[in-house]
Amino acid sequence: MKRIKITQVRSAIDRPERQKLTLQALGLKKMNASKEVEATPQILGMVRIVDHLVKVEELNK
């Protein structure tokens, strides 16, 4: 599987509860926090929900 690095670049303050919970599910708790995860369809769907709050990079491994 391909791996991606997800970094939170915008705050979740004043966002809908669904977006806040999605960030928690991705493992992002603070601004500029990063997490490396497998690029499964479930993860990509969660990233799509919060794409305006995160930055996604592909990892070459």
PDB file of N, CA and C in Angstrom:
ATOM      1  N   MET A   1       0.832  -1.196   0.000  1.00  0.00           N
ATOM      2  CA  MET A   1       0.000   0.000   0.000  1.00  0.00           C
ATOM      3  C   MET A   1       0.867   1.248   0.000  1.00  0.00           C
ATOM      4  N   LYS A   2       0.351   2.274  -0.595  1.00  0.00           N
ATOM      5  CA  LYS A   2       1.015   3.565  -0.613  1.00  0.00           C
ATOM      6  C   LYS A   2       0.813   4.250   0.741  1.00  0.00           C
ATOM      7  N   ARG A   3       1.827   4.979   1.204  1.00  0.00           N
ATOM      8  CA  ARG A   3       1.726   5.715   2.465  1.00  0.00           C
ATOM      9  C   ARG A   3       1.637   7.208   2.168  1.00  0.00           C
ATOM     10  N   ILE A   4       0.880   7.914   3.002  1.00  0.00           N
ATOM     11  CA  ILE A   4       0.772   9.362   2.875  1.00  0.00           C
ATOM     12  C   ILE A   4       1.047   9.996   4.229  1.00  0.00           C
ATOM     13  N   LYS A   5       1.490  11.250   4.183  1.00  0.00           N
ATOM     14  CA  LYS A   5       1.718  12.027   5.395  1.00  0.00           C
ATOM     15  C   LYS A   5       0.668  13.130   5.428  1.00  0.00           C
ATOM     16  N   ILE A   6      -0.105  13.167   6.516  1.00  0.00           N
ATOM     17  CA  ILE A   6      -1.178  14.152   6.666  1.00  0.00           C
ATOM     18  C   ILE A   6      -0.753  15.143   7.742  1.00  0.00           C
ATOM     19  N   THR A   7      -0.790  16.437   7.425  1.00  0.00           N
ATOM     20  CA  THR A   7      -0.405  17.483   8.365  1.00  0.00           C
ATOM     21  C   THR A   7      -1.562  18.459   8.510  1.00  0.00           C
ATOM     22  N   GLN A   8      -1.950  18.739   9.753  1.00  0.00           N
ATOM     23  CA  GLN A   8      -3.023  19.711   9.999  1.00  0.00           C
ATOM     24  C   GLN A   8      -2.443  21.110   9.863  1.00  0.00           C
ATOM     25  N   VAL A   9      -2.991  21.919   8.967  1.00  0.00           N
ATOM     26  CA  VAL A   9      -2.468  23.262   8.722  1.00  0.00           C
ATOM     27  C   VAL A   9      -3.451  24.366   9.116  1.00  0.00           C
ATOM     28  N   ARG A  10      -4.700  24.008   9.392  1.00  0.00           N
ATOM     29  CA  ARG A  10      -5.686  25.002   9.831  1.00  0.00           C
ATOM     30  C   ARG A  10      -6.409  24.481  11.062  1.00  0.00           C
ATOM     31  N   SER A  11      -6.905  25.390  11.855  1.00  0.00           N
ATOM     32  CA  SER A  11      -7.548  25.048  13.116  1.00  0.00           C
ATOM     33  C   SER A  11      -8.940  24.456  12.905  1.00  0.00           C
ATOM     34  N   ALA A  12      -9.341  23.624  13.859  1.00  0.00           N
ATOM     35  CA  ALA A  12     -10.675  23.024  13.821  1.00  0.00           C
ATOM     36  C   ALA A  12     -11.693  23.859  14.608  1.00  0.00           C
ATOM     37  N   ILE A  13     -11.256  24.991  15.141  1.00  0.00           N
ATOM     38  CA  ILE A  13     -12.168  25.870  15.874  1.00  0.00           C
ATOM     39  C   ILE A  13     -13.232  26.398  14.908  1.00  0.00           C
ATOM     40  N   ASP A  14     -14.484  26.441  15.357  1.00  0.00           N
ATOM     41  CA  ASP A  14     -15.631  26.905  14.562  1.00  0.00           C
ATOM     42  C   ASP A  14     -15.899  26.025  13.341  1.00  0.00           C
ATOM     43  N   ARG A  15     -15.538  24.765  13.419  1.00  0.00           N
ATOM     44  CA  ARG A  15     -15.845  23.807  12.365  1.00  0.00           C
ATOM     45  C   ARG A  15     -16.950  22.880  12.856  1.00  0.00           C
ATOM     46  N   PRO A  16     -17.686  22.259  11.955  1.00  0.00           N
ATOM     47  CA  PRO A  16     -18.725  21.309  12.370  1.00  0.00           C
ATOM     48  C   PRO A  16     -18.124  20.148  13.168  1.00  0.00           C
ATOM     49  N   GLU A  17     -18.927  19.568  14.028  1.00  0.00           N
ATOM     50  CA  GLU A  17     -18.470  18.472  14.896  1.00  0.00           C
ATOM     51  C   GLU A  17     -17.942  17.293  14.077  1.00  0.00           C
ATOM     52  N   ARG A  18     -18.549  17.040  12.936  1.00  0.00           N
ATOM     53  CA  ARG A  18     -18.106  15.925  12.088  1.00  0.00           C
ATOM     54  C   ARG A  18     -16.655  16.110  11.642  1.00  0.00           C
ATOM     55  N   GLN A  19     -16.277  17.346  11.300  1.00  0.00           N
ATOM     56  CA  GLN A  19     -14.905  17.606  10.875  1.00  0.00           C
ATOM     57  C   GLN A  19     -13.933  17.473  12.047  1.00  0.00           C
ATOM     58  N   LYS A  20     -14.332  17.910  13.219  1.00  0.00           N
ATOM     59  CA  LYS A  20     -13.483  17.773  14.410  1.00  0.00           C
ATOM     60  C   LYS A  20     -13.247  16.294  14.725  1.00  0.00           C
ATOM     61  N   LEU A  21     -14.302  15.492  14.653  1.00  0.00           N
ATOM     62  CA  LEU A  21     -14.172  14.070  14.934  1.00  0.00           C
ATOM     63  C   LEU A  21     -13.341  13.362  13.865  1.00  0.00           C
ATOM     64  N   THR A  22     -13.432  13.823  12.630  1.00  0.00           N
ATOM     65  CA  THR A  22     -12.631  13.235  11.561  1.00  0.00           C
ATOM     66  C   THR A  22     -11.151  13.506  11.791  1.00  0.00           C
ATOM     67  N   LEU A  23     -10.809  14.722  12.214  1.00  0.00           N
ATOM     68  CA  LEU A  23      -9.410  15.019  12.531  1.00  0.00           C
ATOM     69  C   LEU A  23      -8.913  14.125  13.666  1.00  0.00           C
ATOM     70  N   GLN A  24      -9.741  13.913  14.678  1.00  0.00           N
ATOM     71  CA  GLN A  24      -9.365  13.025  15.785  1.00  0.00           C
ATOM     72  C   GLN A  24      -9.156  11.601  15.275  1.00  0.00           C
ATOM     73  N   ALA A  25     -10.019  11.147  14.391  1.00  0.00           N
ATOM     74  CA  ALA A  25      -9.908   9.793  13.861  1.00  0.00           C
ATOM     75  C   ALA A  25      -8.632   9.618  13.039  1.00  0.00           C
ATOM     76  N   LEU A  26      -8.181  10.687  12.405  1.00  0.00           N
ATOM     77  CA  LEU A  26      -6.935  10.642  11.648  1.00  0.00           C
ATOM     78  C   LEU A  26      -5.716  10.721  12.561  1.00  0.00           C
ATOM     79  N   GLY A  27      -5.932  11.038  13.835  1.00  0.00           N
ATOM     80  CA  GLY A  27      -4.830  11.122  14.788  1.00  0.00           C
ATOM     81  C   GLY A  27      -4.204  12.492  14.888  1.00  0.00           C
ATOM     82  N   LEU A  28      -4.917  13.518  14.421  1.00  0.00           N
ATOM     83  CA  LEU A  28      -4.389  14.885  14.460  1.00  0.00           C
ATOM     84  C   LEU A  28      -5.028  15.632  15.620  1.00  0.00           C
ATOM     85  N   LYS A  29      -4.194  16.111  16.544  1.00  0.00           N
ATOM     86  CA  LYS A  29      -4.716  16.761  17.736  1.00  0.00           C
ATOM     87  C   LYS A  29      -4.399  18.245  17.798  1.00  0.00           C
ATOM     88  N   LYS A  30      -3.307  18.674  17.168  1.00  0.00           N
ATOM     89  CA  LYS A  30      -2.878  20.064  17.247  1.00  0.00           C
ATOM     90  C   LYS A  30      -2.525  20.588  15.859  1.00  0.00           C
ATOM     91  N   MET A  31      -2.348  21.886  15.788  1.00  0.00           N
ATOM     92  CA  MET A  31      -1.871  22.518  14.564  1.00  0.00           C
ATOM     93  C   MET A  31      -0.475  22.000  14.251  1.00  0.00           C
ATOM     94  N   ASN A  32      -0.178  21.809  12.986  1.00  0.00           N
ATOM     95  CA  ASN A  32       1.117  21.334  12.492  1.00  0.00           C
ATOM     96  C   ASN A  32       1.468  19.925  12.954  1.00  0.00           C
ATOM     97  N   ALA A  33       0.504  19.191  13.486  1.00  0.00           N
ATOM     98  CA  ALA A  33       0.725  17.789  13.835  1.00  0.00           C
ATOM     99  C   ALA A  33       0.688  16.971  12.552  1.00  0.00           C
ATOM    100  N   SER A  34       1.577  15.972  12.458  1.00  0.00           N
ATOM    101  CA  SER A  34       1.645  15.118  11.274  1.00  0.00           C
ATOM    102  C   SER A  34       1.433  13.670  11.662  1.00  0.00           C
ATOM    103  N   LYS A  35       0.938  12.912  10.702  1.00  0.00           N
ATOM    104  CA  LYS A  35       0.702  11.487  10.911  1.00  0.00           C
ATOM    105  C   LYS A  35       0.952  10.777   9.586  1.00  0.00           C
ATOM    106  N   GLU A  36       1.686   9.673   9.629  1.00  0.00           N
ATOM    107  CA  GLU A  36       1.900   8.850   8.439  1.00  0.00           C
ATOM    108  C   GLU A  36       0.950   7.668   8.500  1.00  0.00           C
ATOM    109  N   VAL A  37       0.179   7.488   7.432  1.00  0.00           N
ATOM    110  CA  VAL A  37      -0.821   6.424   7.396  1.00  0.00           C
ATOM    111  C   VAL A  37      -0.826   5.761   6.028  1.00  0.00           C
ATOM    112  N   GLU A  38      -1.419   4.564   5.976  1.00  0.00           N
ATOM    113  CA  GLU A  38      -1.632   3.875   4.708  1.00  0.00           C
ATOM    114  C   GLU A  38      -2.753   4.579   3.940  1.00  0.00           C
ATOM    115  N   ALA A  39      -2.621   4.656   2.637  1.00  0.00           N
ATOM    116  CA  ALA A  39      -3.614   5.340   1.805  1.00  0.00           C
ATOM    117  C   ALA A  39      -4.733   4.377   1.420  1.00  0.00           C
ATOM    118  N   THR A  40      -5.545   3.984   2.409  1.00  0.00           N
ATOM    119  CA  THR A  40      -6.683   3.115   2.147  1.00  0.00           C
ATOM    120  C   THR A  40      -7.874   3.963   1.697  1.00  0.00           C
ATOM    121  N   PRO A  41      -8.866   3.363   1.086  1.00  0.00           N
ATOM    122  CA  PRO A  41     -10.050   4.134   0.679  1.00  0.00           C
ATOM    123  C   PRO A  41     -10.736   4.830   1.863  1.00  0.00           C
ATOM    124  N   GLN A  42     -10.722   4.198   3.039  1.00  0.00           N
ATOM    125  CA  GLN A  42     -11.351   4.799   4.216  1.00  0.00           C
ATOM    126  C   GLN A  42     -10.601   6.069   4.638  1.00  0.00           C
ATOM    127  N   ILE A  43      -9.285   5.995   4.662  1.00  0.00           N
ATOM    128  CA  ILE A  43      -8.467   7.154   5.051  1.00  0.00           C
ATOM    129  C   ILE A  43      -8.620   8.268   4.024  1.00  0.00           C
ATOM    130  N   LEU A  44      -8.602   7.932   2.753  1.00  0.00           N
ATOM    131  CA  LEU A  44      -8.742   8.949   1.711  1.00  0.00           C
ATOM    132  C   LEU A  44     -10.106   9.625   1.778  1.00  0.00           C
ATOM    133  N   GLY A  45     -11.131   8.886   2.173  1.00  0.00           N
ATOM    134  CA  GLY A  45     -12.459   9.484   2.353  1.00  0.00           C
ATOM    135  C   GLY A  45     -12.471  10.467   3.507  1.00  0.00           C
ATOM    136  N   MET A  46     -11.781  10.117   4.597  1.00  0.00           N
ATOM    137  CA  MET A  46     -11.703  11.038   5.737  1.00  0.00           C
ATOM    138  C   MET A  46     -10.907  12.283   5.358  1.00  0.00           C
ATOM    139  N   VAL A  47      -9.838  12.114   4.592  1.00  0.00           N
ATOM    140  CA  VAL A  47      -9.035  13.264   4.156  1.00  0.00           C
ATOM    141  C   VAL A  47      -9.875  14.183   3.279  1.00  0.00           C
ATOM    142  N   ARG A  48     -10.733  13.600   2.451  1.00  0.00           N
ATOM    143  CA  ARG A  48     -11.582  14.410   1.579  1.00  0.00           C
ATOM    144  C   ARG A  48     -12.529  15.295   2.386  1.00  0.00           C
ATOM    145  N   ILE A  49     -12.991  14.812   3.534  1.00  0.00           N
ATOM    146  CA  ILE A  49     -13.908  15.589   4.372  1.00  0.00           C
ATOM    147  C   ILE A  49     -13.217  16.821   4.938  1.00  0.00           C
ATOM    148  N   VAL A  50     -11.930  16.691   5.288  1.00  0.00           N
ATOM    149  CA  VAL A  50     -11.208  17.795   5.932  1.00  0.00           C
ATOM    150  C   VAL A  50     -10.069  18.311   5.057  1.00  0.00           C
ATOM    151  N   ASP A  51     -10.194  18.212   3.737  1.00  0.00           N
ATOM    152  CA  ASP A  51      -9.095  18.605   2.860  1.00  0.00           C
ATOM    153  C   ASP A  51      -8.727  20.080   2.963  1.00  0.00           C
ATOM    154  N   HIS A  52      -9.640  20.917   3.429  1.00  0.00           N
ATOM    155  CA  HIS A  52      -9.359  22.344   3.586  1.00  0.00           C
ATOM    156  C   HIS A  52      -8.600  22.630   4.885  1.00  0.00           C
ATOM    157  N   LEU A  53      -8.456  21.626   5.760  1.00  0.00           N
ATOM    158  CA  LEU A  53      -7.752  21.800   7.029  1.00  0.00           C
ATOM    159  C   LEU A  53      -6.402  21.094   7.054  1.00  0.00           C
ATOM    160  N   VAL A  54      -6.138  20.247   6.094  1.00  0.00           N
ATOM    161  CA  VAL A  54      -4.917  19.436   6.121  1.00  0.00           C
ATOM    162  C   VAL A  54      -4.137  19.562   4.818  1.00  0.00           C
ATOM    163  N   LYS A  55      -2.855  19.173   4.908  1.00  0.00           N
ATOM    164  CA  LYS A  55      -1.982  19.073   3.735  1.00  0.00           C
ATOM    165  C   LYS A  55      -1.572  17.623   3.613  1.00  0.00           C
ATOM    166  N   VAL A  56      -1.634  17.057   2.422  1.00  0.00           N
ATOM    167  CA  VAL A  56      -1.339  15.641   2.203  1.00  0.00           C
ATOM    168  C   VAL A  56      -0.123  15.528   1.284  1.00  0.00           C
ATOM    169  N   GLU A  57       0.841  14.695   1.698  1.00  0.00           N
ATOM    170  CA  GLU A  57       2.027  14.441   0.900  1.00  0.00           C
ATOM    171  C   GLU A  57       2.175  12.942   0.709  1.00  0.00           C
ATOM    172  N   GLU A  58       2.587  12.521  -0.485  1.00  0.00           N
ATOM    173  CA  GLU A  58       2.884  11.108  -0.728  1.00  0.00           C
ATOM    174  C   GLU A  58       4.290  10.822  -0.259  1.00  0.00           C
ATOM    175  N   LEU A  59       4.478   9.658   0.352  1.00  0.00           N
ATOM    176  CA  LEU A  59       5.790   9.239   0.809  1.00  0.00           C
ATOM    177  C   LEU A  59       6.352   8.219  -0.160  1.00  0.00           C
ATOM    178  N   ASN A  60       7.616   8.329  -0.448  1.00  0.00           N
ATOM    179  CA  ASN A  60       8.277   7.396  -1.371  1.00  0.00           C
ATOM    180  C   ASN A  60       8.975   6.307  -0.573  1.00  0.00           C
ATOM    181  N   LYS A  61       8.235   5.273  -0.237  1.00  0.00           N
ATOM    182  CA  LYS A  61       8.825   4.154   0.520  1.00  0.00           C
ATOM    183  C   LYS A  61       8.460   2.865  -0.126  1.00  0.00           C
TER     184      LYS A  61
END
